[in-house]
N, C-alpha and C. Protein backbone atom coordinates (compact mmCIF):
# COMPACT_ATOMS: atom_id res chain seq x y z
N MET A 1 53.37 105.43 38.81
CA MET A 1 52.44 105.75 37.74
C MET A 1 51.23 106.52 38.36
N ARG A 2 50.80 107.48 37.78
CA ARG A 2 49.64 108.28 38.29
C ARG A 2 48.44 107.93 37.47
N VAL A 3 47.37 107.37 38.09
CA VAL A 3 46.21 106.89 37.33
C VAL A 3 44.97 107.63 37.84
N ALA A 4 44.10 108.02 36.96
CA ALA A 4 42.73 108.49 37.27
C ALA A 4 41.71 107.47 36.95
N ILE A 5 40.75 107.32 37.95
CA ILE A 5 39.57 106.43 37.75
C ILE A 5 38.49 107.42 37.55
N ILE A 6 37.91 107.42 36.35
CA ILE A 6 36.87 108.33 35.98
C ILE A 6 35.56 107.61 35.87
N TYR A 7 34.52 108.27 36.57
CA TYR A 7 33.17 107.53 36.51
C TYR A 7 32.14 108.65 36.69
N ASN A 8 30.87 108.27 36.42
CA ASN A 8 29.77 109.18 36.62
C ASN A 8 29.19 108.92 37.96
N GLU A 9 29.06 110.06 38.69
CA GLU A 9 28.53 110.01 40.07
C GLU A 9 26.97 109.50 39.91
N PRO A 10 26.71 108.39 40.55
CA PRO A 10 25.27 107.98 40.45
C PRO A 10 24.28 108.99 41.25
N LEU A 11 23.53 109.61 40.41
CA LEU A 11 22.56 110.68 40.90
C LEU A 11 21.19 110.11 40.82
N PRO A 12 20.19 110.65 41.72
CA PRO A 12 18.85 110.25 41.67
C PRO A 12 18.31 110.44 40.26
N SER A 13 17.50 109.46 39.81
CA SER A 13 16.93 109.55 38.44
C SER A 13 15.65 108.76 38.31
N ARG A 14 15.21 108.75 37.03
CA ARG A 14 13.98 107.95 36.74
C ARG A 14 14.29 106.44 36.89
N TYR A 15 15.60 106.01 37.02
CA TYR A 15 15.93 104.64 37.06
C TYR A 15 15.81 104.07 38.51
N ASP A 16 15.65 104.95 39.39
CA ASP A 16 15.63 104.63 40.84
C ASP A 16 14.53 103.62 41.05
N THR A 17 13.44 103.56 40.38
CA THR A 17 12.33 102.70 40.68
C THR A 17 12.42 101.39 39.86
N THR A 18 13.47 101.20 39.14
CA THR A 18 13.63 100.02 38.15
C THR A 18 14.83 99.32 38.63
N SER A 19 15.00 98.08 38.05
CA SER A 19 16.15 97.24 38.31
C SER A 19 17.43 97.83 37.74
N GLU A 20 17.20 98.90 36.90
CA GLU A 20 18.36 99.57 36.41
C GLU A 20 19.24 100.22 37.43
N SER A 21 18.56 100.69 38.54
CA SER A 21 19.36 101.44 39.56
C SER A 21 20.57 100.61 40.15
N LYS A 22 20.34 99.24 40.13
CA LYS A 22 21.41 98.36 40.60
C LYS A 22 22.68 98.42 39.69
N ALA A 23 22.36 98.50 38.31
CA ALA A 23 23.56 98.66 37.40
C ALA A 23 24.16 100.10 37.57
N VAL A 24 23.32 101.03 37.73
CA VAL A 24 23.86 102.42 37.91
C VAL A 24 24.80 102.56 39.06
N LEU A 25 24.28 102.02 40.24
CA LEU A 25 25.02 102.03 41.42
C LEU A 25 26.25 101.07 41.53
N GLY A 26 26.14 100.13 40.59
CA GLY A 26 27.30 99.09 40.47
C GLY A 26 28.64 99.75 40.16
N VAL A 27 28.62 100.84 39.53
CA VAL A 27 29.80 101.42 39.15
C VAL A 27 30.69 101.75 40.47
N LEU A 28 30.06 102.01 41.53
CA LEU A 28 30.83 102.36 42.80
C LEU A 28 31.59 101.12 43.34
N ASP A 29 31.02 99.95 43.06
CA ASP A 29 31.78 98.83 43.49
C ASP A 29 33.02 98.55 42.65
N THR A 30 32.72 98.72 41.41
CA THR A 30 33.89 98.74 40.40
C THR A 30 35.02 99.75 40.70
N VAL A 31 34.65 100.94 40.96
CA VAL A 31 35.61 101.96 41.33
C VAL A 31 36.43 101.60 42.50
N ALA A 32 35.73 101.14 43.56
CA ALA A 32 36.42 100.67 44.87
C ALA A 32 37.42 99.54 44.52
N ALA A 33 36.91 98.54 43.65
CA ALA A 33 37.82 97.35 43.38
C ALA A 33 39.00 97.84 42.58
N VAL A 34 38.89 98.74 41.61
CA VAL A 34 39.89 99.14 40.75
C VAL A 34 41.00 99.97 41.70
N GLN A 35 40.37 100.86 42.46
CA GLN A 35 41.17 101.68 43.29
C GLN A 35 42.11 100.80 44.25
N LYS A 36 41.46 99.78 44.85
CA LYS A 36 42.15 98.91 45.77
C LYS A 36 43.35 98.15 45.03
N SER A 37 43.15 97.77 43.70
CA SER A 37 44.10 96.93 42.98
C SER A 37 45.21 97.90 42.59
N LEU A 38 44.91 99.09 42.45
CA LEU A 38 46.06 100.09 42.04
C LEU A 38 46.83 100.50 43.23
N LEU A 39 46.25 100.54 44.34
CA LEU A 39 47.04 100.88 45.62
C LEU A 39 48.04 99.85 45.99
N GLU A 40 47.64 98.62 45.77
CA GLU A 40 48.49 97.53 46.15
C GLU A 40 50.04 97.60 45.54
N PRO A 41 50.07 97.85 44.19
CA PRO A 41 51.36 98.03 43.69
C PRO A 41 51.97 99.47 43.82
N ASP A 42 51.33 100.21 44.65
CA ASP A 42 51.74 101.57 45.01
C ASP A 42 51.59 102.56 43.84
N TYR A 43 50.54 102.44 43.08
CA TYR A 43 50.31 103.51 42.11
C TYR A 43 49.56 104.66 42.78
N ALA A 44 49.68 105.92 42.24
CA ALA A 44 48.88 107.06 42.73
C ALA A 44 47.55 107.06 42.03
N ALA A 45 46.46 106.69 42.75
CA ALA A 45 45.23 106.61 42.09
C ALA A 45 44.26 107.82 42.52
N THR A 46 43.88 108.46 41.50
CA THR A 46 42.96 109.63 41.75
C THR A 46 41.52 109.19 41.37
N LEU A 47 40.60 109.49 42.14
CA LEU A 47 39.19 109.32 41.82
C LEU A 47 38.59 110.60 41.16
N LEU A 48 37.93 110.55 40.08
CA LEU A 48 37.26 111.66 39.43
C LEU A 48 35.79 111.22 39.16
N SER A 49 35.00 111.73 40.02
CA SER A 49 33.51 111.53 39.84
C SER A 49 32.94 112.60 39.06
N LEU A 50 32.40 112.49 37.88
CA LEU A 50 31.79 113.55 37.08
C LEU A 50 30.39 113.66 37.24
N THR A 51 29.98 114.92 37.37
CA THR A 51 28.52 115.30 37.40
C THR A 51 28.19 116.40 36.35
N PRO A 52 27.07 116.53 36.03
CA PRO A 52 26.78 117.80 34.96
C PRO A 52 27.09 119.06 35.82
N PRO A 53 27.25 120.01 34.99
CA PRO A 53 27.11 120.15 33.62
C PRO A 53 28.39 119.72 32.89
N ARG A 54 28.17 119.51 31.58
CA ARG A 54 29.20 118.95 30.69
C ARG A 54 30.55 119.82 30.73
N GLU A 55 30.31 121.13 30.62
CA GLU A 55 31.50 121.97 30.50
C GLU A 55 32.27 121.92 31.74
N GLN A 56 31.75 121.76 32.91
CA GLN A 56 32.38 121.66 34.18
C GLN A 56 33.18 120.25 34.21
N ALA A 57 32.53 119.26 33.70
CA ALA A 57 33.26 117.96 33.63
C ALA A 57 34.47 118.06 32.75
N ARG A 58 34.38 118.84 31.68
CA ARG A 58 35.47 119.01 30.72
C ARG A 58 36.64 119.67 31.35
N VAL A 59 36.28 120.64 32.22
CA VAL A 59 37.44 121.48 33.01
C VAL A 59 38.14 120.38 33.95
N HIS A 60 37.49 119.65 34.60
CA HIS A 60 38.02 118.61 35.45
C HIS A 60 38.94 117.67 34.63
N LEU A 61 38.48 117.21 33.42
CA LEU A 61 39.18 116.27 32.68
C LEU A 61 40.47 116.87 32.21
N THR A 62 40.35 118.14 31.71
CA THR A 62 41.52 118.79 31.07
C THR A 62 42.63 119.14 32.08
N SER A 63 42.23 119.22 33.32
CA SER A 63 43.16 119.63 34.47
C SER A 63 43.80 118.48 35.14
N LEU A 64 43.48 117.26 34.60
CA LEU A 64 44.08 116.04 35.12
C LEU A 64 45.61 116.02 34.86
N ASP A 65 46.40 115.60 35.84
CA ASP A 65 47.83 115.35 35.75
C ASP A 65 48.12 113.97 36.05
N VAL A 66 47.83 113.09 35.12
CA VAL A 66 48.02 111.63 35.25
C VAL A 66 48.69 110.99 34.01
N ASP A 67 49.26 109.80 34.18
CA ASP A 67 49.74 109.05 33.11
C ASP A 67 48.75 108.19 32.29
N LEU A 68 47.64 107.82 32.97
CA LEU A 68 46.63 106.96 32.39
C LEU A 68 45.30 107.29 33.13
N ALA A 69 44.27 107.18 32.29
CA ALA A 69 42.82 107.34 32.83
C ALA A 69 42.10 106.00 32.55
N LEU A 70 41.53 105.42 33.67
CA LEU A 70 40.62 104.28 33.53
C LEU A 70 39.17 104.80 33.34
N ASN A 71 38.60 104.67 32.20
CA ASN A 71 37.33 105.28 31.86
C ASN A 71 36.19 104.29 32.25
N LEU A 72 35.53 104.68 33.36
CA LEU A 72 34.36 103.89 33.75
C LEU A 72 33.07 104.79 33.53
N PHE A 73 33.25 105.83 32.89
CA PHE A 73 32.14 106.84 32.76
C PHE A 73 31.16 106.33 31.71
N GLU A 74 29.83 106.37 31.97
CA GLU A 74 28.82 105.80 31.03
C GLU A 74 27.84 106.88 30.60
N GLY A 75 28.19 108.16 30.87
CA GLY A 75 27.32 109.28 30.54
C GLY A 75 26.47 109.78 31.59
N PHE A 76 25.97 110.92 31.54
CA PHE A 76 25.18 111.53 32.51
C PHE A 76 23.74 110.91 32.35
N CYS A 77 23.03 110.71 33.46
CA CYS A 77 21.77 110.15 33.45
C CYS A 77 20.79 110.98 32.56
N GLY A 78 20.12 110.33 31.67
CA GLY A 78 19.16 110.98 30.88
C GLY A 78 19.83 111.67 29.56
N SER A 79 21.08 111.54 29.55
CA SER A 79 21.89 112.16 28.31
C SER A 79 22.85 111.13 27.91
N PRO A 80 22.39 110.05 27.24
CA PRO A 80 23.32 108.96 26.73
C PRO A 80 24.41 109.47 25.78
N GLU A 81 24.21 110.50 25.09
CA GLU A 81 25.18 111.04 24.14
C GLU A 81 26.44 111.63 24.92
N THR A 82 26.32 111.80 26.19
CA THR A 82 27.47 112.35 26.94
C THR A 82 28.55 111.18 27.18
N GLU A 83 28.23 109.95 26.86
CA GLU A 83 29.23 108.94 27.07
C GLU A 83 30.44 109.19 26.34
N THR A 84 30.40 109.95 25.31
CA THR A 84 31.70 110.24 24.51
C THR A 84 32.49 111.41 25.16
N LEU A 85 32.05 111.98 26.20
CA LEU A 85 32.73 113.21 26.72
C LEU A 85 34.15 112.78 27.26
N VAL A 86 34.29 111.72 27.98
CA VAL A 86 35.60 111.42 28.53
C VAL A 86 36.53 111.11 27.47
N PRO A 87 36.28 110.04 26.50
CA PRO A 87 37.26 109.74 25.52
C PRO A 87 37.55 110.91 24.56
N GLU A 88 36.55 111.67 24.20
CA GLU A 88 36.83 112.79 23.28
C GLU A 88 37.78 113.86 23.93
N THR A 89 37.52 114.17 25.28
CA THR A 89 38.18 115.16 25.94
C THR A 89 39.56 114.71 26.24
N LEU A 90 39.80 113.47 26.69
CA LEU A 90 41.13 112.99 26.94
C LEU A 90 41.99 112.79 25.66
N SER A 91 41.41 112.41 24.56
CA SER A 91 42.12 112.35 23.37
C SER A 91 42.62 113.70 23.02
N LYS A 92 41.84 114.80 23.21
CA LYS A 92 42.25 116.21 22.81
C LYS A 92 43.49 116.64 23.62
N VAL A 93 43.58 116.25 24.84
CA VAL A 93 44.53 116.66 25.81
C VAL A 93 45.76 115.67 25.86
N GLY A 94 45.60 114.56 25.22
CA GLY A 94 46.72 113.65 25.02
C GLY A 94 46.85 112.59 26.24
N ILE A 95 45.90 112.40 26.95
CA ILE A 95 45.90 111.40 28.13
C ILE A 95 45.47 110.13 27.69
N PRO A 96 46.25 109.06 27.72
CA PRO A 96 45.86 107.69 27.31
C PRO A 96 44.74 107.21 28.23
N PHE A 97 43.83 106.51 27.70
CA PHE A 97 42.66 106.07 28.51
C PHE A 97 42.36 104.61 28.08
N THR A 98 41.60 103.99 28.89
CA THR A 98 40.95 102.65 28.59
C THR A 98 39.71 102.77 28.09
N GLY A 99 39.24 101.75 27.22
CA GLY A 99 37.95 101.79 26.64
C GLY A 99 37.95 102.31 25.22
N CYS A 100 36.83 102.32 24.65
CA CYS A 100 36.56 102.85 23.28
C CYS A 100 36.83 104.31 23.08
N PRO A 101 37.34 104.73 21.82
CA PRO A 101 37.44 106.11 21.55
C PRO A 101 35.97 106.61 21.33
N GLY A 102 35.88 107.99 21.35
CA GLY A 102 34.55 108.39 21.19
C GLY A 102 33.86 108.07 19.89
N ALA A 103 34.59 108.04 18.80
CA ALA A 103 34.00 107.65 17.45
C ALA A 103 33.35 106.26 17.54
N GLY A 104 34.02 105.33 18.22
CA GLY A 104 33.56 103.92 18.33
C GLY A 104 32.26 103.97 19.22
N ILE A 105 32.15 104.73 20.25
CA ILE A 105 30.98 104.87 21.06
C ILE A 105 29.79 105.37 20.28
N LYS A 106 30.16 106.40 19.51
CA LYS A 106 28.99 107.08 18.69
C LYS A 106 28.54 106.05 17.57
N LEU A 107 29.41 105.26 17.05
CA LEU A 107 28.94 104.34 15.98
C LEU A 107 28.14 103.21 16.66
N ALA A 108 28.61 102.82 17.90
CA ALA A 108 27.78 101.74 18.54
C ALA A 108 26.39 102.25 19.04
N ARG A 109 26.26 103.51 19.30
CA ARG A 109 25.04 104.05 19.84
C ARG A 109 24.10 104.23 18.64
N GLY A 110 24.56 104.33 17.33
CA GLY A 110 23.76 104.58 16.24
C GLY A 110 23.58 103.30 15.36
N LYS A 111 23.50 102.16 15.96
CA LYS A 111 23.40 100.94 15.17
C LYS A 111 22.22 100.92 14.33
N ASP A 112 21.06 101.55 14.67
CA ASP A 112 19.80 101.58 14.00
C ASP A 112 19.96 102.35 12.67
N ARG A 113 20.94 103.15 12.48
CA ARG A 113 21.11 103.95 11.27
C ARG A 113 21.89 103.22 10.17
N TYR A 114 22.37 102.02 10.46
CA TYR A 114 23.37 101.35 9.45
C TYR A 114 22.71 100.08 8.92
N ASP A 115 22.88 99.81 7.72
CA ASP A 115 22.38 98.53 7.17
C ASP A 115 23.48 97.60 7.11
N ASN A 116 23.27 96.40 7.22
CA ASN A 116 24.26 95.29 7.15
C ASN A 116 24.72 95.08 5.74
């Protein structure tokens, strides 16, 4: 099985001076652990670190030749709306992925717009 591990490359940002930087950099620990667990049963694991611009990231996603994508992407720094980039693009090209679909992420990001 061919698996892609997709994540956002931690880039310098306004979060560097806050405790949030630990969470942003924590994705690298997760990526390493997931990659290690996939290599043990001899899966072909591809790492795909996404960086802006959005259109370039889409090109990388649409050119993937994998059976499954593990979505660890949390959006580009300073652009939380880009969190939907991976699930929306992978859905369009028919690559199964882990995590929420883009519509679910959009709904969760807009909780303040809905009444109970």
